[in-house]
Amino acid sequence: MREIIQNELNDKDLLLFIHSPFCGTCHVAEGMLRQIETTLDKDIFFHMNASLHESFMYEHKIESVPCLFIRENGETRKKVYAFHSIANILSILLEQKPELFDRMS
């Protein structure tokens, strides 16, 4: 997982983990996403400190953190606020971004 830079926020396709460094739930969610990256053996998520990108938060109507923001072809596909389990996040990714799992078949 790597920190996003300003010009990457405009990318058409994006898997962005939005967090606050003072949020305990965010730390748990980040651990789940890191485990998914380890399982897939590739970095697929960007991460962003919500307090440093207020305009992005407002423009995309991000309601709370943690949030997994999924954008494809320039359109917001999904905003995930509840990180129930790794299996739950994997099922969302399989539904929204099945190409991530092509190599695993």
C-alpha atoms as a PDB file:
ATOM      1  CA  MET A   1       0.000   0.000   0.000  1.00  0.00           C
ATOM      2  CA  ARG A   2       1.440   3.341  -0.894  1.00  0.00           C
ATOM      3  CA  GLU A   3       0.444   6.888  -0.109  1.00  0.00           C
ATOM      4  CA  ILE A   4      -1.360   8.630  -2.921  1.00  0.00           C
ATOM      5  CA  ILE A   5      -0.037  11.845  -4.396  1.00  0.00           C
ATOM      6  CA  GLN A   6      -2.274  14.700  -5.525  1.00  0.00           C
ATOM      7  CA  ASN A   7      -2.184  14.033  -9.288  1.00  0.00           C
ATOM      8  CA  GLU A   8      -3.060  10.339  -8.755  1.00  0.00           C
ATOM      9  CA  LEU A   9      -6.356  11.379  -7.118  1.00  0.00           C
ATOM     10  CA  ASN A  10      -7.608  12.149 -10.625  1.00  0.00           C
ATOM     11  CA  ASP A  11      -6.833   8.676 -12.019  1.00  0.00           C
ATOM     12  CA  LYS A  12      -9.823   7.034 -13.700  1.00  0.00           C
ATOM     13  CA  ASP A  13      -9.338   3.771 -11.788  1.00  0.00           C
ATOM     14  CA  LEU A  14      -8.601   3.876  -8.090  1.00  0.00           C
ATOM     15  CA  LEU A  15      -8.673   1.652  -5.007  1.00  0.00           C
ATOM     16  CA  LEU A  16      -8.166   4.206  -2.256  1.00  0.00           C
ATOM     17  CA  PHE A  17      -8.123   3.540   1.466  1.00  0.00           C
ATOM     18  CA  ILE A  18      -9.103   6.745   3.266  1.00  0.00           C
ATOM     19  CA  HIS A  19      -8.161   6.887   6.944  1.00  0.00           C
ATOM     20  CA  SER A  20      -7.193   9.035   9.893  1.00  0.00           C
ATOM     21  CA  PRO A  21      -3.998   8.259  11.803  1.00  0.00           C
ATOM     22  CA  PHE A  22      -5.887   8.647  15.107  1.00  0.00           C
ATOM     23  CA  CYS A  23      -8.659   6.171  14.223  1.00  0.00           C
ATOM     24  CA  GLY A  24      -8.340   2.731  15.835  1.00  0.00           C
ATOM     25  CA  THR A  25     -10.851   1.174  13.441  1.00  0.00           C
ATOM     26  CA  CYS A  26      -8.804   2.536  10.541  1.00  0.00           C
ATOM     27  CA  HIS A  27      -5.732   0.669  11.822  1.00  0.00           C
ATOM     28  CA  VAL A  28      -7.700  -2.596  11.942  1.00  0.00           C
ATOM     29  CA  ALA A  29      -9.063  -2.006   8.416  1.00  0.00           C
ATOM     30  CA  GLU A  30      -5.579  -1.175   7.127  1.00  0.00           C
ATOM     31  CA  GLY A  31      -4.316  -4.499   8.502  1.00  0.00           C
ATOM     32  CA  MET A  32      -7.037  -6.311   6.551  1.00  0.00           C
ATOM     33  CA  LEU A  33      -6.091  -4.527   3.323  1.00  0.00           C
ATOM     34  CA  ARG A  34      -2.405  -5.259   3.847  1.00  0.00           C
ATOM     35  CA  GLN A  35      -3.246  -8.950   4.329  1.00  0.00           C
ATOM     36  CA  ILE A  36      -5.164  -8.913   1.034  1.00  0.00           C
ATOM     37  CA  GLU A  37      -2.157  -7.366  -0.718  1.00  0.00           C
ATOM     38  CA  THR A  38       0.089 -10.040   0.790  1.00  0.00           C
ATOM     39  CA  THR A  39      -2.293 -12.761  -0.412  1.00  0.00           C
ATOM     40  CA  LEU A  40      -2.440 -11.286  -3.932  1.00  0.00           C
ATOM     41  CA  ASP A  41       1.329 -10.615  -3.828  1.00  0.00           C
ATOM     42  CA  LYS A  42       0.933  -7.081  -5.181  1.00  0.00           C
ATOM     43  CA  ASP A  43       0.223  -3.543  -4.049  1.00  0.00           C
ATOM     44  CA  ILE A  44      -3.299  -2.689  -5.151  1.00  0.00           C
ATOM     45  CA  PHE A  45      -4.392  -0.010  -2.669  1.00  0.00           C
ATOM     46  CA  PHE A  46      -3.413   3.603  -2.261  1.00  0.00           C
ATOM     47  CA  HIS A  47      -3.918   5.207   1.127  1.00  0.00           C
ATOM     48  CA  MET A  48      -4.777   8.776   2.040  1.00  0.00           C
ATOM     49  CA  ASN A  49      -5.009  10.709   5.296  1.00  0.00           C
ATOM     50  CA  ALA A  50      -8.509  12.234   5.181  1.00  0.00           C
ATOM     51  CA  SER A  51      -7.518  15.363   7.082  1.00  0.00           C
ATOM     52  CA  LEU A  52      -4.959  16.316   4.420  1.00  0.00           C
ATOM     53  CA  HIS A  53      -7.423  16.148   1.505  1.00  0.00           C
ATOM     54  CA  GLU A  54     -10.531  18.042   2.590  1.00  0.00           C
ATOM     55  CA  SER A  55     -11.558  19.010  -0.953  1.00  0.00           C
ATOM     56  CA  PHE A  56     -11.486  15.365  -2.093  1.00  0.00           C
ATOM     57  CA  MET A  57     -13.549  14.350   0.940  1.00  0.00           C
ATOM     58  CA  TYR A  58     -16.145  17.025   0.222  1.00  0.00           C
ATOM     59  CA  GLU A  59     -16.247  16.520  -3.559  1.00  0.00           C
ATOM     60  CA  HIS A  60     -16.761  12.746  -3.257  1.00  0.00           C
ATOM     61  CA  LYS A  61     -19.061  12.952  -0.231  1.00  0.00           C
ATOM     62  CA  ILE A  62     -16.928  10.695   1.953  1.00  0.00           C
ATOM     63  CA  GLU A  63     -19.020  10.263   5.098  1.00  0.00           C
ATOM     64  CA  SER A  64     -16.535   8.722   7.524  1.00  0.00           C
ATOM     65  CA  VAL A  65     -13.308   6.812   7.926  1.00  0.00           C
ATOM     66  CA  PRO A  66     -12.229   4.179   7.315  1.00  0.00           C
ATOM     67  CA  CYS A  67     -13.446   4.186   3.739  1.00  0.00           C
ATOM     68  CA  LEU A  68     -12.445   2.070   0.765  1.00  0.00           C
ATOM     69  CA  PHE A  69     -13.195   4.278  -2.241  1.00  0.00           C
ATOM     70  CA  ILE A  70     -13.489   2.374  -5.536  1.00  0.00           C
ATOM     71  CA  ARG A  71     -13.496   4.313  -8.799  1.00  0.00           C
ATOM     72  CA  GLU A  72     -13.526   2.775 -12.264  1.00  0.00           C
ATOM     73  CA  ASN A  73     -13.548   4.547 -15.623  1.00  0.00           C
ATOM     74  CA  GLY A  74     -13.776   7.872 -13.806  1.00  0.00           C
ATOM     75  CA  GLU A  75     -16.967   6.975 -11.934  1.00  0.00           C
ATOM     76  CA  THR A  76     -17.369   6.173  -8.260  1.00  0.00           C
ATOM     77  CA  ARG A  77     -18.330   2.499  -8.075  1.00  0.00           C
ATOM     78  CA  LYS A  78     -18.491   1.954  -4.340  1.00  0.00           C
ATOM     79  CA  LYS A  79     -17.622   3.433  -0.960  1.00  0.00           C
ATOM     80  CA  VAL A  80     -17.115   0.789   1.705  1.00  0.00           C
ATOM     81  CA  TYR A  81     -17.333   1.999   5.296  1.00  0.00           C
ATOM     82  CA  ALA A  82     -17.775  -1.322   7.135  1.00  0.00           C
ATOM     83  CA  PHE A  83     -14.741  -3.597   7.090  1.00  0.00           C
ATOM     84  CA  HIS A  84     -16.380  -6.656   8.622  1.00  0.00           C
ATOM     85  CA  SER A  85     -13.696  -9.165   7.678  1.00  0.00           C
ATOM     86  CA  ILE A  86     -11.035  -9.946   5.119  1.00  0.00           C
ATOM     87  CA  ALA A  87     -13.489 -12.325   3.420  1.00  0.00           C
ATOM     88  CA  ASN A  88     -16.036  -9.516   3.175  1.00  0.00           C
ATOM     89  CA  ILE A  89     -13.548  -7.139   1.548  1.00  0.00           C
ATOM     90  CA  LEU A  90     -12.374  -9.885  -0.814  1.00  0.00           C
ATOM     91  CA  SER A  91     -15.966 -10.518  -1.920  1.00  0.00           C
ATOM     92  CA  ILE A  92     -16.440  -6.793  -2.599  1.00  0.00           C
ATOM     93  CA  LEU A  93     -13.204  -6.705  -4.608  1.00  0.00           C
ATOM     94  CA  LEU A  94     -14.208  -9.814  -6.539  1.00  0.00           C
ATOM     95  CA  GLU A  95     -17.502  -8.153  -7.426  1.00  0.00           C
ATOM     96  CA  GLN A  96     -16.064  -4.719  -8.250  1.00  0.00           C
ATOM     97  CA  LYS A  97     -12.573  -5.547  -9.588  1.00  0.00           C
ATOM     98  CA  PRO A  98     -12.525  -9.215 -10.709  1.00  0.00           C
ATOM     99  CA  GLU A  99      -9.443  -8.615 -12.842  1.00  0.00           C
ATOM    100  CA  LEU A 100      -7.389  -8.489  -9.641  1.00  0.00           C
ATOM    101  CA  PHE A 101      -7.949 -12.234  -9.284  1.00  0.00           C
ATOM    102  CA  ASP A 102      -7.233 -13.326 -12.881  1.00  0.00           C
ATOM    103  CA  ARG A 103      -3.731 -14.516 -12.046  1.00  0.00           C
ATOM    104  CA  MET A 104      -5.020 -16.609  -9.132  1.00  0.00           C
ATOM    105  CA  SER A 105      -7.337 -18.815 -11.252  1.00  0.00           C
END
